[in-house]
Amino acid sequence: MVKHFDLKAALDFIRKGYTKGKEPFCFTVPEMASAINISEKKTKEVLARINDRAQFWRGSYLPNYDNLVVSAPVFERVKDWFK
């Protein structure tokens, strides 16, 4: 089960990375897991939950969850969640 705190931490990670001026912002599951201090398995669950609501990866994750891209449309869908 995905916890609210983990969702918020993941979204904060996405917001911070995107707003650093790198358009689009790319990250991997291990990078996010390390940044928010949860396991990679739990990070995948969190990303799946976010994707279920935002549909910003259109349901097509790469097999190893590498190079997930946060573009402007993606950021618009999640920027105000849990602020």
N, C-alpha and C. Protein backbone atom coordinates (compact mmCIF):
# COMPACT_ATOMS: atom_id res chain seq x y z
N MET A 1 0.84 -1.18 0.00
CA MET A 1 0.00 0.00 0.00
C MET A 1 0.88 1.25 0.00
N VAL A 2 0.54 2.16 -0.85
CA VAL A 2 1.30 3.40 -0.99
C VAL A 2 0.82 4.40 0.05
N LYS A 3 1.78 4.98 0.76
CA LYS A 3 1.46 5.95 1.81
C LYS A 3 1.44 7.37 1.24
N HIS A 4 0.61 8.19 1.82
CA HIS A 4 0.48 9.59 1.42
C HIS A 4 1.84 10.30 1.46
N PHE A 5 2.61 10.04 2.51
CA PHE A 5 3.91 10.69 2.67
C PHE A 5 4.84 10.32 1.52
N ASP A 6 4.81 9.05 1.08
CA ASP A 6 5.66 8.63 -0.03
C ASP A 6 5.23 9.29 -1.34
N LEU A 7 3.93 9.40 -1.56
CA LEU A 7 3.43 10.09 -2.75
C LEU A 7 3.89 11.54 -2.75
N LYS A 8 3.75 12.20 -1.62
CA LYS A 8 4.14 13.60 -1.52
C LYS A 8 5.64 13.76 -1.77
N ALA A 9 6.44 12.88 -1.20
CA ALA A 9 7.90 12.95 -1.39
C ALA A 9 8.27 12.75 -2.87
N ALA A 10 7.60 11.81 -3.53
CA ALA A 10 7.87 11.57 -4.95
C ALA A 10 7.50 12.78 -5.79
N LEU A 11 6.36 13.36 -5.50
CA LEU A 11 5.93 14.55 -6.25
C LEU A 11 6.85 15.73 -6.00
N ASP A 12 7.33 15.86 -4.77
CA ASP A 12 8.29 16.93 -4.46
C ASP A 12 9.59 16.73 -5.26
N PHE A 13 10.03 15.47 -5.35
CA PHE A 13 11.23 15.14 -6.13
C PHE A 13 11.03 15.55 -7.60
N ILE A 14 9.87 15.23 -8.15
CA ILE A 14 9.57 15.57 -9.54
C ILE A 14 9.53 17.08 -9.72
N ARG A 15 8.87 17.78 -8.81
CA ARG A 15 8.79 19.25 -8.90
C ARG A 15 10.16 19.90 -8.85
N LYS A 16 10.97 19.46 -7.89
CA LYS A 16 12.30 20.07 -7.73
C LYS A 16 13.17 19.82 -8.96
N GLY A 17 13.14 18.60 -9.47
CA GLY A 17 13.94 18.28 -10.65
C GLY A 17 13.51 19.05 -11.88
N TYR A 18 12.22 19.15 -12.06
CA TYR A 18 11.69 19.83 -13.24
C TYR A 18 12.00 21.32 -13.20
N THR A 19 11.88 21.92 -12.04
CA THR A 19 12.05 23.38 -11.94
C THR A 19 13.51 23.81 -11.93
N LYS A 20 14.44 22.86 -12.01
CA LYS A 20 15.85 23.24 -12.10
C LYS A 20 16.21 23.77 -13.47
N GLY A 21 15.24 23.80 -14.38
CA GLY A 21 15.48 24.39 -15.69
C GLY A 21 15.85 23.39 -16.76
N LYS A 22 15.96 22.11 -16.39
CA LYS A 22 16.23 21.09 -17.40
C LYS A 22 14.90 20.62 -17.97
N GLU A 23 14.61 21.00 -19.18
CA GLU A 23 13.35 20.58 -19.81
C GLU A 23 13.69 19.63 -20.93
N PRO A 24 13.23 18.45 -20.98
CA PRO A 24 12.47 17.79 -19.92
C PRO A 24 13.39 17.22 -18.84
N PHE A 25 12.84 16.97 -17.67
CA PHE A 25 13.56 16.40 -16.56
C PHE A 25 13.45 14.87 -16.65
N CYS A 26 14.58 14.19 -16.64
CA CYS A 26 14.60 12.72 -16.69
C CYS A 26 15.14 12.17 -15.38
N PHE A 27 14.61 11.05 -14.96
CA PHE A 27 15.11 10.40 -13.75
C PHE A 27 14.89 8.90 -13.86
N THR A 28 15.55 8.17 -12.98
CA THR A 28 15.38 6.72 -12.90
C THR A 28 14.79 6.37 -11.54
N VAL A 29 14.27 5.18 -11.44
CA VAL A 29 13.72 4.72 -10.17
C VAL A 29 14.78 4.72 -9.07
N PRO A 30 16.00 4.20 -9.34
CA PRO A 30 17.01 4.25 -8.27
C PRO A 30 17.32 5.67 -7.79
N GLU A 31 17.33 6.64 -8.69
CA GLU A 31 17.58 8.03 -8.29
C GLU A 31 16.48 8.53 -7.36
N MET A 32 15.24 8.26 -7.72
CA MET A 32 14.14 8.70 -6.88
C MET A 32 14.15 7.96 -5.55
N ALA A 33 14.38 6.67 -5.58
CA ALA A 33 14.39 5.88 -4.35
C ALA A 33 15.44 6.41 -3.37
N SER A 34 16.59 6.73 -3.90
CA SER A 34 17.66 7.28 -3.06
C SER A 34 17.28 8.65 -2.51
N ALA A 35 16.68 9.48 -3.34
CA ALA A 35 16.32 10.84 -2.92
C ALA A 35 15.23 10.87 -1.87
N ILE A 36 14.28 9.94 -1.93
CA ILE A 36 13.17 9.99 -0.98
C ILE A 36 13.26 8.90 0.09
N ASN A 37 14.37 8.16 0.08
CA ASN A 37 14.68 7.18 1.13
C ASN A 37 13.65 6.07 1.29
N ILE A 38 13.25 5.48 0.16
CA ILE A 38 12.43 4.28 0.20
C ILE A 38 13.03 3.27 -0.77
N SER A 39 12.58 2.04 -0.71
CA SER A 39 13.14 1.00 -1.58
C SER A 39 12.71 1.23 -3.04
N GLU A 40 13.45 0.60 -3.94
CA GLU A 40 13.10 0.72 -5.36
C GLU A 40 11.75 0.06 -5.62
N LYS A 41 11.46 -1.02 -4.94
CA LYS A 41 10.17 -1.69 -5.12
C LYS A 41 9.03 -0.75 -4.72
N LYS A 42 9.18 -0.10 -3.57
CA LYS A 42 8.16 0.84 -3.11
C LYS A 42 8.06 2.05 -4.04
N THR A 43 9.22 2.50 -4.56
CA THR A 43 9.22 3.61 -5.50
C THR A 43 8.43 3.27 -6.75
N LYS A 44 8.58 2.06 -7.24
CA LYS A 44 7.81 1.62 -8.42
C LYS A 44 6.32 1.64 -8.12
N GLU A 45 5.94 1.24 -6.90
CA GLU A 45 4.53 1.28 -6.51
C GLU A 45 4.01 2.72 -6.47
N VAL A 46 4.83 3.61 -5.93
CA VAL A 46 4.45 5.02 -5.85
C VAL A 46 4.28 5.60 -7.26
N LEU A 47 5.23 5.32 -8.14
CA LEU A 47 5.15 5.83 -9.51
C LEU A 47 3.95 5.25 -10.25
N ALA A 48 3.64 3.99 -10.00
CA ALA A 48 2.46 3.39 -10.63
C ALA A 48 1.20 4.09 -10.15
N ARG A 49 1.12 4.40 -8.86
CA ARG A 49 -0.05 5.09 -8.31
C ARG A 49 -0.18 6.49 -8.91
N ILE A 50 0.94 7.20 -9.00
CA ILE A 50 0.91 8.54 -9.61
C ILE A 50 0.48 8.42 -11.07
N ASN A 51 1.03 7.45 -11.77
CA ASN A 51 0.71 7.28 -13.18
C ASN A 51 -0.76 6.91 -13.39
N ASP A 52 -1.33 6.14 -12.47
CA ASP A 52 -2.75 5.79 -12.56
C ASP A 52 -3.62 7.04 -12.59
N ARG A 53 -3.26 8.03 -11.79
CA ARG A 53 -4.07 9.25 -11.73
C ARG A 53 -3.69 10.26 -12.80
N ALA A 54 -2.41 10.45 -13.03
CA ALA A 54 -1.96 11.49 -13.95
C ALA A 54 -1.83 11.00 -15.38
N GLN A 55 -1.62 9.72 -15.54
CA GLN A 55 -1.40 9.10 -16.85
C GLN A 55 -0.35 9.85 -17.65
N PHE A 56 0.75 10.21 -16.96
CA PHE A 56 1.75 10.96 -17.71
C PHE A 56 2.79 10.12 -18.40
N TRP A 57 2.79 8.82 -18.14
CA TRP A 57 3.67 7.95 -18.92
C TRP A 57 2.83 7.06 -19.82
N ARG A 58 1.56 7.36 -19.95
CA ARG A 58 0.66 6.65 -20.84
C ARG A 58 0.70 5.14 -20.65
N GLY A 59 0.99 4.73 -19.42
CA GLY A 59 0.98 3.31 -19.10
C GLY A 59 2.13 2.52 -19.66
N SER A 60 3.10 3.19 -20.26
CA SER A 60 4.20 2.44 -20.87
C SER A 60 5.52 2.75 -20.17
N TYR A 61 5.79 2.03 -19.12
CA TYR A 61 7.07 2.15 -18.44
C TYR A 61 8.10 1.31 -19.18
N LEU A 62 9.31 1.76 -19.20
CA LEU A 62 10.38 0.92 -19.70
C LEU A 62 10.57 -0.24 -18.72
N PRO A 63 11.04 -1.38 -19.18
CA PRO A 63 11.15 -2.55 -18.29
C PRO A 63 11.93 -2.30 -17.01
N ASN A 64 12.95 -1.45 -17.08
CA ASN A 64 13.76 -1.21 -15.88
C ASN A 64 13.47 0.15 -15.25
N TYR A 65 12.44 0.82 -15.71
CA TYR A 65 12.03 2.12 -15.15
C TYR A 65 13.13 3.17 -15.29
N ASP A 66 13.93 3.08 -16.32
CA ASP A 66 14.97 4.08 -16.54
C ASP A 66 14.44 5.21 -17.40
N ASN A 67 15.01 6.37 -17.19
CA ASN A 67 14.72 7.53 -18.01
C ASN A 67 13.24 7.89 -18.10
N LEU A 68 12.59 7.96 -16.95
CA LEU A 68 11.23 8.47 -16.91
C LEU A 68 11.32 9.98 -17.14
N VAL A 69 10.55 10.48 -18.04
CA VAL A 69 10.68 11.87 -18.48
C VAL A 69 9.51 12.70 -17.98
N VAL A 70 9.85 13.84 -17.38
CA VAL A 70 8.84 14.78 -16.93
C VAL A 70 8.90 15.98 -17.87
N SER A 71 7.94 16.06 -18.77
CA SER A 71 7.86 17.16 -19.72
C SER A 71 6.87 18.20 -19.19
N ALA A 72 6.68 19.27 -19.93
CA ALA A 72 5.75 20.32 -19.51
C ALA A 72 4.33 19.80 -19.27
N PRO A 73 3.77 18.98 -20.16
CA PRO A 73 2.42 18.45 -19.90
C PRO A 73 2.35 17.59 -18.64
N VAL A 74 3.40 16.81 -18.42
CA VAL A 74 3.46 15.98 -17.21
C VAL A 74 3.47 16.87 -15.98
N PHE A 75 4.33 17.87 -15.99
CA PHE A 75 4.45 18.76 -14.85
C PHE A 75 3.14 19.47 -14.56
N GLU A 76 2.44 19.89 -15.58
CA GLU A 76 1.15 20.57 -15.39
C GLU A 76 0.15 19.66 -14.68
N ARG A 77 0.21 18.36 -14.94
CA ARG A 77 -0.74 17.43 -14.31
C ARG A 77 -0.46 17.23 -12.81
N VAL A 78 0.80 17.34 -12.40
CA VAL A 78 1.13 17.01 -11.02
C VAL A 78 1.62 18.17 -10.17
N LYS A 79 1.81 19.34 -10.73
CA LYS A 79 2.48 20.42 -9.99
C LYS A 79 1.76 20.86 -8.71
N ASP A 80 0.45 20.78 -8.65
CA ASP A 80 -0.26 21.26 -7.47
C ASP A 80 -0.74 20.16 -6.54
N TRP A 81 -0.40 18.91 -6.81
CA TRP A 81 -0.83 17.82 -5.93
C TRP A 81 -0.10 17.92 -4.59
N PHE A 82 -0.84 17.83 -3.52
CA PHE A 82 -0.31 17.76 -2.14
C PHE A 82 0.57 18.93 -1.78
N LYS A 83 0.27 20.11 -2.27
CA LYS A 83 1.06 21.29 -1.88
C LYS A 83 0.66 21.74 -0.50
